[in-house]
Amino acid sequence: MSLIDSSLLTRRTLLKRGALVAGAGLAGQLSPSAWANPIGANDRIRIGIIGLGSKGSQHLRTISEMAGVQITALCDVDPRQLEAAKASLEAAAGSVYTTTDLRKVMDRSDVDAVLIATSTHWHALATIWACEAGKDVYVEKPVGRTIAEGRKVMAATTRYKRIVQTGTQLRSDSDNDEITAYIRSGKLGRIQWIHGVSYKTRTPLIQRTPWYPDWLDYDLFCGPTPMVPLEREKLHYDWHWRWNTGNGDLVNMGIHAIDLTRRFLGDDAMPKRMMSLGGRYAVDDVGDQPNTQFTVMDFGNVPVFYENRNLPIKPGATYADQFRGQRIGLVVQCEAGYYAGYMGGSIFDNDGNRLLRKAVDVDSVKAHLQNFFDCVRSRRAQDLAASAEIGHHSAQFCHYGNLSYRVGQQASADQIDASLATVSGAPEAMGRMRTHLGAHQVDLAAQPMTLGPWLELDPQRDAITGIDGGSQADLNRARYYIDEVERPGYQMG
């Protein structure tokens, strides 16, 4: 029997799009007194955790050990994960309310805030519903599966005067503060390029006859996204690699690298254009996203690359490649040296001599949660380490890369080289990617890469203003992907 309650849907139907979008970007204009304070300085913050997979369970363990916070509700659409989390929490803290329907958490008077660690396709709508219900929100990255969803989250945050933190926890990693200041000081000269990498092996998505387990309300699992047949073997996590529920590693992992990049370039920096290319290689599965992808963001005077590889360094290996010592991290190349790292890291001169090293000595996830709880008490949204607006823009840049890829066409090596010829550092990066695929016996003449067009952008308006290397039809498709379609009963306005 479905858990869908039509009265709940009616009660949770959001405002029309115009009203929500009109409020976007205004959070910084509101004074602290405009944000209602429902919690006393010495009162416990009562929180509900929605989504109890690997990330949600990590947050449960962390929060249960934090002072001044009480977990009063747990929710997961999978009753097996819900029961495991309940048993874990009750063993230490006593009884807790549980449900498989997140809307019931929103209606509870003993919940002041919610932490959303669901699948990506639920992030935005769950956040909007929570804001409407008067709850503050910590939402895992990205804030939305699409660019439009992120914009609507920003608008709801402002309209309902809520404290909303995005789960880009490296914003709370003080290990990076000294490194950022060093690079921005100009001691190494001008930044020439930035290259983020995620070389992280992923297992194939095993195909099976579509299945709908009797313990799962699949309608509620899908929520605002199309109800496509469930034909992958693993229900959880592998949703990342299907377009209807996830955004691939460009968003899943790339958002952290791009968020760090914005700290080096300044949060006001916006790409003028961007493109992406790649393909799905050396696997035979039901994933529909690239497992090898190279994205270029043109910030005017600094090109920014993000590269994800899900294959090991060679067939049969259990580990991935690396770039300047990084498998997951960032390289910032300046005129007189470079930074390589992620959480902490080192700065070198161009001869490889280390000039500065910062070890990892901060629990950035715990620090990020503490920052959120501090702001819930103070009602000072401007003190959030990663507001909804910051989270939206960091995700937005990654989303644009996927839009370019999704409207791209198969292309020859010469066509790809021509597209990247004027971008400093890009040809060398492409050479390394081809070598990597060659180790897996990938014949790029027989299996060409998909080359996405350059999309000309106005990120402040969430708009694609033009296209270079594609048709008007490609431009229209890219604009469609900014928003896409929401299912009846789950619209966001």
Protein backbone atom coordinates (compact mmCIF):
# COMPACT_ATOMS: atom_id res chain seq x y z
CA MET A 1 0.00 0.00 0.00
CA SER A 2 1.35 3.44 -0.88
CA LEU A 3 2.38 5.80 1.87
CA ILE A 4 1.19 8.78 -0.19
CA ASP A 5 -1.39 10.85 1.73
CA SER A 6 -3.29 13.25 -0.53
CA SER A 7 -4.01 15.61 2.37
CA LEU A 8 -0.29 15.87 3.04
CA LEU A 9 0.38 16.58 -0.62
CA THR A 10 -2.21 19.36 -0.66
CA ARG A 11 -0.82 20.86 2.52
CA ARG A 12 2.70 20.72 1.12
CA THR A 13 1.97 22.16 -2.30
CA LEU A 14 4.40 25.03 -2.65
CA LEU A 15 3.98 28.56 -3.94
CA LYS A 16 3.96 29.37 -7.61
CA ARG A 17 7.34 29.56 -9.28
CA GLY A 18 7.33 33.33 -9.64
CA ALA A 19 6.87 33.95 -5.92
CA LEU A 20 9.71 31.63 -5.01
CA VAL A 21 12.16 32.81 -7.63
CA ALA A 22 11.46 36.45 -6.84
CA GLY A 23 12.90 35.89 -3.38
CA ALA A 24 16.10 34.19 -4.52
CA GLY A 25 19.35 35.84 -3.53
CA LEU A 26 17.79 38.13 -0.90
CA ALA A 27 19.05 36.29 2.17
CA GLY A 28 22.04 38.57 2.53
CA GLN A 29 19.76 41.66 2.55
CA LEU A 30 17.82 40.58 5.66
CA SER A 31 18.93 41.75 9.09
CA PRO A 32 19.49 39.09 11.77
CA SER A 33 16.32 40.27 13.56
CA ALA A 34 14.28 39.26 10.51
CA TRP A 35 15.00 35.60 11.20
CA ALA A 36 12.58 34.38 13.89
CA ASN A 37 14.27 32.81 16.91
CA PRO A 38 12.31 29.77 18.16
CA ILE A 39 15.10 28.30 20.31
CA GLY A 40 16.54 29.67 23.52
CA ALA A 41 20.29 30.04 23.82
CA ASN A 42 20.43 27.27 26.44
CA ASP A 43 17.73 25.01 25.01
CA ARG A 44 18.41 21.77 23.19
CA ILE A 45 17.98 21.78 19.43
CA ARG A 46 15.66 18.92 18.49
CA ILE A 47 16.57 17.47 15.12
CA GLY A 48 15.13 14.89 12.77
CA ILE A 49 17.44 12.99 10.42
CA ILE A 50 15.96 12.14 7.02
CA GLY A 51 17.96 9.59 5.03
CA LEU A 52 19.93 6.96 6.94
CA GLY A 53 22.33 5.53 4.39
CA SER A 54 26.09 5.86 4.79
CA LYS A 55 26.11 9.67 5.09
CA GLY A 56 23.00 9.95 7.24
CA SER A 57 24.31 7.25 9.58
CA GLN A 58 27.61 9.12 9.88
CA HIS A 59 25.72 12.27 10.85
CA LEU A 60 23.62 10.31 13.36
CA ARG A 61 26.76 9.07 15.12
CA THR A 62 28.33 12.55 15.15
CA ILE A 63 25.23 14.42 16.33
CA SER A 64 24.45 11.88 19.05
CA GLU A 65 27.75 12.85 20.70
CA MET A 66 27.27 16.63 20.40
CA ALA A 67 26.16 18.72 23.36
CA GLY A 68 22.92 20.68 23.22
CA VAL A 69 21.34 18.63 20.43
CA GLN A 70 18.75 15.86 20.68
CA ILE A 71 17.74 13.54 17.84
CA THR A 72 13.95 13.28 18.13
CA ALA A 73 13.00 11.71 14.78
CA LEU A 74 14.48 9.32 12.23
CA CYS A 75 13.22 8.76 8.71
CA ASP A 76 14.20 6.59 5.77
CA VAL A 77 12.06 5.27 2.94
CA ASP A 78 13.86 1.93 3.37
CA PRO A 79 12.47 0.38 6.58
CA ARG A 80 15.57 -1.83 6.90
CA GLN A 81 17.90 1.17 7.15
CA LEU A 82 15.42 2.90 9.45
CA GLU A 83 15.29 -0.03 11.86
CA ALA A 84 19.09 -0.33 11.96
CA ALA A 85 19.49 3.38 12.75
CA LYS A 86 16.74 3.24 15.39
CA ALA A 87 18.41 0.31 17.14
CA SER A 88 21.76 2.10 17.08
CA LEU A 89 20.37 5.32 18.56
CA GLU A 90 18.01 3.81 21.12
CA ALA A 91 20.80 1.67 22.54
CA ALA A 92 22.49 4.89 23.62
CA ALA A 93 19.75 7.51 23.94
CA GLY A 94 16.35 5.89 24.46
CA SER A 95 13.22 5.90 22.30
CA VAL A 96 12.90 7.99 19.15
CA TYR A 97 10.08 8.59 16.66
CA THR A 98 10.53 6.76 13.34
CA THR A 99 8.73 6.88 10.00
CA THR A 100 9.30 6.02 6.35
CA ASP A 101 7.46 9.19 5.23
CA LEU A 102 9.50 12.39 5.53
CA ARG A 103 6.37 14.58 5.52
CA LYS A 104 5.42 13.23 8.93
CA VAL A 105 8.71 14.53 10.31
CA MET A 106 7.88 18.00 8.97
CA ASP A 107 4.58 17.99 10.89
CA ARG A 108 6.08 17.22 14.30
CA SER A 109 6.23 19.91 16.97
CA ASP A 110 9.21 18.24 18.66
CA VAL A 111 11.45 18.81 15.61
CA ASP A 112 13.17 22.21 15.32
CA ALA A 113 15.50 21.31 12.47
CA VAL A 114 16.06 18.52 9.99
CA LEU A 115 19.15 17.00 8.45
CA ILE A 116 18.53 15.77 4.90
CA ALA A 117 20.82 12.99 3.67
CA THR A 118 18.49 11.37 1.17
CA SER A 119 19.23 10.56 -2.44
CA THR A 120 20.04 13.72 -4.42
CA HIS A 121 16.67 13.86 -6.17
CA TRP A 122 14.91 14.49 -2.85
CA HIS A 123 17.25 17.20 -1.51
CA ALA A 124 15.46 20.26 -2.85
CA LEU A 125 11.84 19.29 -2.25
CA ALA A 126 12.58 18.02 1.26
CA THR A 127 14.37 21.29 2.06
CA ILE A 128 11.50 23.38 0.71
CA TRP A 129 8.91 21.39 2.64
CA ALA A 130 10.98 21.75 5.82
CA CYS A 131 11.32 25.52 5.35
CA GLU A 132 7.58 25.81 4.81
CA ALA A 133 7.00 23.83 8.02
CA GLY A 134 9.20 26.24 9.99
CA LYS A 135 12.22 23.94 10.33
CA ASP A 136 15.86 24.88 9.86
CA VAL A 137 17.76 22.62 7.50
CA TYR A 138 21.16 21.01 7.05
CA VAL A 139 20.99 19.52 3.56
CA GLU A 140 23.66 17.36 1.99
CA LYS A 141 25.20 18.51 -1.27
CA PRO A 142 24.02 19.27 -3.86
CA VAL A 143 21.07 21.42 -2.79
CA GLY A 144 19.23 20.28 -5.92
CA ARG A 145 19.44 17.73 -8.70
CA THR A 146 18.94 20.55 -11.22
CA ILE A 147 19.92 24.21 -11.37
CA ALA A 148 16.28 25.29 -11.03
CA GLU A 149 15.87 23.21 -7.87
CA GLY A 150 18.82 25.00 -6.26
CA ARG A 151 17.32 28.37 -7.10
CA LYS A 152 14.01 27.33 -5.50
CA VAL A 153 15.81 26.24 -2.33
CA MET A 154 17.44 29.69 -2.12
CA ALA A 155 14.04 31.32 -2.53
CA ALA A 156 12.34 29.17 0.10
CA THR A 157 15.17 29.88 2.56
CA THR A 158 14.50 33.58 2.24
CA ARG A 159 10.70 33.46 2.09
CA TYR A 160 10.39 31.36 5.23
CA LYS A 161 13.34 32.98 7.05
CA ARG A 162 15.09 29.71 7.75
CA ILE A 163 18.69 28.77 8.55
CA VAL A 164 19.85 26.45 5.74
CA GLN A 165 23.35 24.96 5.62
CA THR A 166 24.71 23.04 2.63
CA GLY A 167 26.83 19.95 3.30
CA THR A 168 30.00 21.22 1.64
CA GLN A 169 31.90 20.66 4.86
CA LEU A 170 35.29 21.78 3.57
CA ARG A 171 33.98 25.31 4.13
CA SER A 172 34.43 24.55 7.84
CA ASP A 173 37.91 23.07 7.40
CA SER A 174 40.24 25.60 9.01
CA ASP A 175 43.21 23.60 7.67
CA ASN A 176 42.56 25.24 4.31
CA ASP A 177 42.40 28.83 5.57
CA GLU A 178 46.17 29.38 5.67
CA ILE A 179 46.63 27.74 2.27
CA THR A 180 43.91 29.87 0.70
CA ALA A 181 45.42 33.03 2.17
CA TYR A 182 48.90 32.08 0.92
CA ILE A 183 47.74 31.59 -2.68
CA ARG A 184 45.55 34.69 -2.67
CA SER A 185 48.42 36.79 -1.29
CA GLY A 186 50.23 36.51 -4.63
CA LYS A 187 53.43 35.06 -3.15
CA LEU A 188 53.47 32.49 -5.97
CA GLY A 189 52.34 34.96 -8.59
CA ARG A 190 49.22 34.72 -10.71
CA ILE A 191 47.09 31.56 -10.77
CA GLN A 192 47.57 29.95 -14.19
CA TRP A 193 45.07 27.10 -13.92
CA ILE A 194 43.23 24.94 -11.38
CA HIS A 195 42.69 21.20 -11.84
CA GLY A 196 40.38 19.22 -9.57
CA VAL A 197 40.42 15.43 -9.73
CA SER A 198 38.36 12.52 -8.49
CA TYR A 199 40.12 9.32 -9.44
CA LYS A 200 37.84 6.99 -7.53
CA THR A 201 37.06 3.46 -8.67
CA ARG A 202 33.38 2.56 -8.98
CA THR A 203 31.83 -0.85 -9.48
CA PRO A 204 29.52 -1.37 -12.48
CA LEU A 205 25.75 -1.08 -12.07
CA ILE A 206 24.66 -4.69 -12.40
CA GLN A 207 21.52 -5.02 -14.51
CA ARG A 208 18.59 -7.16 -13.47
CA THR A 209 14.94 -7.62 -14.42
CA PRO A 210 13.04 -4.60 -13.04
CA TRP A 211 12.17 -5.26 -9.40
CA TYR A 212 10.00 -3.56 -6.82
CA PRO A 213 10.56 -5.05 -3.35
CA ASP A 214 7.46 -5.36 -1.19
CA TRP A 215 9.21 -3.53 1.66
CA LEU A 216 9.72 -0.37 -0.44
CA ASP A 217 7.22 2.31 -1.45
CA TYR A 218 8.85 2.93 -4.82
CA ASP A 219 6.53 5.84 -5.60
CA LEU A 220 7.75 7.65 -2.50
CA PHE A 221 11.36 6.65 -3.20
CA CYS A 222 11.14 8.36 -6.62
CA GLY A 223 9.29 11.42 -5.30
CA PRO A 224 9.75 14.36 -7.69
CA THR A 225 11.75 12.44 -10.30
CA PRO A 226 10.26 10.23 -13.06
CA MET A 227 9.29 6.71 -11.96
CA VAL A 228 11.57 4.76 -14.28
CA PRO A 229 11.93 0.96 -13.96
CA LEU A 230 14.27 -0.11 -11.17
CA GLU A 231 16.67 -2.29 -13.16
CA ARG A 232 19.90 -1.92 -11.19
CA GLU A 233 20.79 -4.54 -8.62
CA LYS A 234 21.68 -2.11 -5.82
CA LEU A 235 18.94 0.25 -4.69
CA HIS A 236 21.21 2.50 -2.65
CA TYR A 237 24.14 4.67 -3.73
CA ASP A 238 24.10 3.47 -7.35
CA TRP A 239 21.34 6.02 -7.91
CA HIS A 240 24.26 8.46 -8.29
CA TRP A 241 24.99 7.08 -11.77
CA ARG A 242 21.50 7.45 -13.29
CA TRP A 243 20.38 10.84 -14.59
CA ASN A 244 16.87 10.61 -13.12
CA THR A 245 18.18 10.40 -9.55
CA GLY A 246 21.81 11.57 -9.58
CA ASN A 247 24.41 13.74 -11.30
CA GLY A 248 27.49 11.51 -11.44
CA ASP A 249 30.84 12.29 -9.88
CA LEU A 250 31.09 15.72 -11.52
CA VAL A 251 28.51 16.86 -8.96
CA ASN A 252 28.89 14.18 -6.30
CA MET A 253 32.64 14.71 -5.84
CA GLY A 254 33.30 17.73 -8.02
CA ILE A 255 31.25 20.10 -5.89
CA HIS A 256 33.90 19.95 -3.15
CA ALA A 257 36.72 20.79 -5.57
CA ILE A 258 34.71 23.59 -7.18
CA ASP A 259 33.76 24.92 -3.75
CA LEU A 260 37.46 25.06 -2.84
CA THR A 261 38.18 26.67 -6.21
CA ARG A 262 35.75 29.45 -5.38
CA ARG A 263 37.70 30.11 -2.18
CA PHE A 264 40.87 30.60 -4.24
CA LEU A 265 39.23 32.74 -6.94
CA GLY A 266 36.68 34.48 -4.72
CA ASP A 267 33.04 33.55 -4.21
CA ASP A 268 31.95 36.28 -6.63
CA ALA A 269 33.90 34.69 -9.51
CA MET A 270 31.60 33.20 -12.15
CA PRO A 271 32.52 31.18 -15.25
CA LYS A 272 31.79 32.88 -18.57
CA ARG A 273 31.50 29.61 -20.46
CA MET A 274 32.11 25.92 -19.95
CA MET A 275 32.12 22.57 -21.69
CA SER A 276 32.48 18.89 -20.85
CA LEU A 277 33.50 15.71 -22.66
CA GLY A 278 33.97 12.03 -21.91
CA GLY A 279 32.20 8.68 -22.06
CA ARG A 280 31.34 5.47 -20.26
CA TYR A 281 34.13 2.99 -20.92
CA ALA A 282 35.28 -0.54 -20.07
CA VAL A 283 32.02 -1.50 -18.33
CA ASP A 284 28.85 -3.17 -19.59
CA ASP A 285 26.13 -2.04 -17.22
CA VAL A 286 22.99 0.10 -16.82
CA GLY A 287 24.75 3.31 -15.80
CA ASP A 288 23.87 6.16 -18.16
CA GLN A 289 26.50 8.70 -17.08
CA PRO A 290 30.17 9.08 -18.03
CA ASN A 291 32.69 7.21 -15.90
CA THR A 292 35.48 9.22 -17.53
CA GLN A 293 34.81 12.96 -17.84
CA PHE A 294 36.77 16.18 -18.32
CA THR A 295 35.08 19.53 -17.71
CA VAL A 296 36.46 22.99 -18.45
CA MET A 297 35.21 26.18 -16.79
CA ASP A 298 36.41 29.46 -18.26
CA PHE A 299 36.61 32.12 -15.56
CA GLY A 300 38.13 34.63 -17.97
CA ASN A 301 41.78 34.74 -16.91
CA VAL A 302 41.90 31.35 -15.15
CA PRO A 303 40.80 28.03 -16.68
CA VAL A 304 39.42 25.52 -14.18
CA PHE A 305 39.34 21.79 -14.95
CA TYR A 306 37.51 19.01 -13.21
CA GLU A 307 38.29 15.44 -14.14
CA ASN A 308 36.62 12.31 -12.84
CA ARG A 309 37.77 8.76 -13.57
CA ASN A 310 35.95 5.74 -12.15
CA LEU A 311 38.26 3.10 -13.63
CA PRO A 312 41.37 1.83 -11.81
CA ILE A 313 44.83 2.76 -13.02
CA LYS A 314 44.87 -0.42 -15.15
CA PRO A 315 42.71 -3.52 -15.60
CA GLY A 316 42.74 -5.72 -12.52
CA ALA A 317 44.13 -3.04 -10.22
CA THR A 318 42.30 -2.06 -7.04
CA TYR A 319 43.58 1.50 -6.92
CA ALA A 320 43.18 4.59 -9.11
CA ASP A 321 45.65 6.89 -10.84
CA GLN A 322 46.87 10.14 -9.29
CA PHE A 323 47.85 13.63 -10.42
CA ARG A 324 50.65 15.34 -8.49
CA GLY A 325 49.95 13.06 -5.57
CA GLN A 326 46.19 13.60 -5.60
CA ARG A 327 43.51 10.99 -6.21
CA ILE A 328 40.79 13.18 -4.77
CA GLY A 329 41.86 16.78 -4.53
CA LEU A 330 42.91 19.99 -6.19
CA VAL A 331 46.03 21.34 -7.88
CA VAL A 332 46.34 25.13 -8.11
CA GLN A 333 49.19 26.00 -10.50
CA CYS A 334 50.66 29.48 -10.09
CA GLU A 335 53.56 31.18 -11.86
CA ALA A 336 56.11 30.30 -9.17
CA GLY A 337 54.68 27.12 -7.65
CA TYR A 338 51.54 25.19 -6.88
CA TYR A 339 49.23 23.85 -4.20
CA ALA A 340 48.20 20.17 -4.10
CA GLY A 341 45.70 18.94 -1.56
CA TYR A 342 42.11 18.70 -0.44
CA MET A 343 41.76 18.70 3.36
CA GLY A 344 44.99 20.43 4.16
CA GLY A 345 47.81 19.75 1.70
CA SER A 346 51.08 21.35 0.63
CA ILE A 347 52.42 24.27 -1.37
CA PHE A 348 55.52 23.66 -3.52
CA ASP A 349 57.73 25.77 -5.73
CA ASN A 350 58.10 24.67 -9.33
CA ASP A 351 61.20 22.65 -8.45
CA GLY A 352 59.19 20.51 -6.03
CA ASN A 353 60.47 22.09 -2.81
CA ARG A 354 57.75 22.19 -0.14
CA LEU A 355 57.06 25.72 1.10
CA LEU A 356 54.09 25.04 3.37
CA ARG A 357 52.31 21.97 4.70
CA LYS A 358 49.02 21.77 6.56
CA ALA A 359 48.12 18.41 8.10
CA VAL A 360 44.52 17.34 8.58
CA ASP A 361 43.73 18.11 12.21
CA VAL A 362 40.09 19.23 11.98
CA ASP A 363 36.95 17.07 11.84
CA SER A 364 35.36 19.19 9.13
CA VAL A 365 32.00 17.37 9.25
CA LYS A 366 31.62 17.93 12.98
CA ALA A 367 32.79 21.54 12.66
CA HIS A 368 30.28 22.12 9.85
CA LEU A 369 27.42 20.69 11.91
CA GLN A 370 28.47 22.80 14.90
CA ASN A 371 28.46 25.91 12.72
CA PHE A 372 24.91 25.06 11.65
CA PHE A 373 23.70 24.54 15.22
CA ASP A 374 25.39 27.77 16.34
CA CYS A 375 23.51 29.65 13.62
CA VAL A 376 20.22 27.94 14.51
CA ARG A 377 20.64 29.43 18.00
CA SER A 378 21.88 32.87 16.96
CA ARG A 379 19.59 33.22 13.89
CA ARG A 380 22.57 34.81 12.12
CA ALA A 381 22.29 33.33 8.63
CA GLN A 382 25.28 35.40 7.53
CA ASP A 383 27.50 33.32 9.84
CA LEU A 384 26.77 30.05 8.01
CA ALA A 385 29.87 28.48 6.52
CA ALA A 386 27.92 27.24 3.47
CA SER A 387 24.57 28.94 2.99
CA ALA A 388 22.01 27.75 0.47
CA GLU A 389 23.30 30.41 -1.92
CA ILE A 390 26.92 29.25 -1.62
CA GLY A 391 25.82 25.65 -2.06
CA HIS A 392 23.68 26.49 -5.06
CA HIS A 393 26.45 28.24 -6.96
CA SER A 394 29.05 25.55 -6.28
CA ALA A 395 26.62 22.90 -7.52
CA GLN A 396 25.42 25.06 -10.39
CA PHE A 397 28.85 25.19 -12.04
CA CYS A 398 29.04 21.39 -11.95
CA HIS A 399 25.50 21.07 -13.32
CA TYR A 400 26.44 23.23 -16.32
CA GLY A 401 29.21 20.80 -17.16
CA ASN A 402 26.74 17.93 -17.21
CA LEU A 403 24.38 19.96 -19.41
CA SER A 404 27.16 20.40 -21.97
CA TYR A 405 27.96 16.69 -21.90
CA ARG A 406 24.32 15.63 -22.22
CA VAL A 407 23.79 17.63 -25.41
CA GLY A 408 27.18 16.67 -26.88
CA GLN A 409 27.99 14.53 -29.90
CA GLN A 410 30.60 11.87 -30.53
CA ALA A 411 33.76 13.52 -31.84
CA SER A 412 37.16 12.63 -33.24
CA ALA A 413 40.42 13.33 -31.43
CA ASP A 414 41.09 16.20 -33.85
CA GLN A 415 37.73 17.80 -33.09
CA ILE A 416 38.36 17.53 -29.36
CA ASP A 417 41.86 18.97 -29.69
CA ALA A 418 40.51 21.90 -31.70
CA SER A 419 37.91 22.65 -29.04
CA LEU A 420 40.57 22.78 -26.30
CA ALA A 421 43.50 24.22 -28.26
CA THR A 422 43.35 27.73 -26.76
CA VAL A 423 42.82 26.62 -23.14
CA SER A 424 46.10 26.64 -21.21
CA GLY A 425 46.78 23.24 -19.63
CA ALA A 426 43.84 21.45 -21.26
CA PRO A 427 45.70 19.64 -24.07
CA GLU A 428 48.15 18.14 -21.57
CA ALA A 429 45.28 16.98 -19.35
CA MET A 430 43.55 15.37 -22.33
CA GLY A 431 46.77 13.55 -23.19
CA ARG A 432 46.86 12.03 -19.70
CA MET A 433 43.21 10.97 -19.96
CA ARG A 434 43.84 9.25 -23.31
CA THR A 435 46.82 7.42 -21.84
CA HIS A 436 44.61 6.26 -18.98
CA LEU A 437 41.95 4.92 -21.35
CA GLY A 438 44.65 3.30 -23.47
CA ALA A 439 45.69 1.26 -20.43
CA HIS A 440 42.17 -0.19 -20.52
CA GLN A 441 42.46 -1.02 -24.24
CA VAL A 442 39.86 1.62 -25.14
CA ASP A 443 40.03 2.40 -28.86
CA LEU A 444 38.83 6.00 -29.10
CA ALA A 445 38.51 5.71 -32.87
CA ALA A 446 35.98 2.91 -32.42
CA GLN A 447 34.45 4.36 -29.23
CA PRO A 448 34.71 8.13 -29.64
CA MET A 449 34.31 10.47 -26.74
CA THR A 450 31.22 12.64 -26.46
CA LEU A 451 32.24 16.27 -26.95
CA GLY A 452 29.90 18.81 -25.39
CA PRO A 453 29.59 22.32 -26.84
CA TRP A 454 30.83 25.44 -25.10
CA LEU A 455 27.87 26.89 -23.21
CA GLU A 456 27.96 30.67 -22.78
CA LEU A 457 26.63 31.53 -19.34
CA ASP A 458 25.04 34.15 -17.14
CA PRO A 459 25.22 32.28 -13.80
CA GLN A 460 23.63 35.15 -11.89
CA ARG A 461 20.43 34.53 -13.82
CA ASP A 462 20.92 30.75 -14.05
CA ALA A 463 20.86 31.25 -17.80
CA ILE A 464 22.59 29.81 -20.86
CA THR A 465 22.91 32.76 -23.23
CA GLY A 466 24.52 31.04 -26.21
CA ILE A 467 26.28 27.99 -27.57
CA ASP A 468 29.52 27.48 -29.49
CA GLY A 469 29.97 24.14 -31.22
CA GLY A 470 26.33 23.09 -31.14
CA SER A 471 22.98 23.80 -32.78
CA GLN A 472 19.93 25.75 -31.68
CA ALA A 473 18.33 22.41 -30.84
CA ASP A 474 21.29 21.60 -28.57
CA LEU A 475 20.87 24.98 -26.88
CA ASN A 476 17.16 24.33 -26.33
CA ARG A 477 17.90 20.90 -24.84
CA ALA A 478 20.53 22.35 -22.49
CA ARG A 479 18.04 24.96 -21.31
CA TYR A 480 15.46 22.23 -20.75
CA TYR A 481 17.87 20.34 -18.50
CA ILE A 482 18.19 23.42 -16.25
CA ASP A 483 14.68 22.66 -15.02
CA GLU A 484 13.42 19.30 -16.35
CA VAL A 485 10.04 17.93 -15.24
CA GLU A 486 8.63 17.28 -11.77
CA ARG A 487 6.06 14.58 -11.14
CA PRO A 488 2.49 15.57 -10.23
CA GLY A 489 2.10 15.80 -6.48
CA TYR A 490 5.78 16.61 -5.99
CA GLN A 491 6.12 19.97 -7.75
CA MET A 492 8.37 22.59 -6.18
CA GLY A 493 6.42 25.61 -7.39
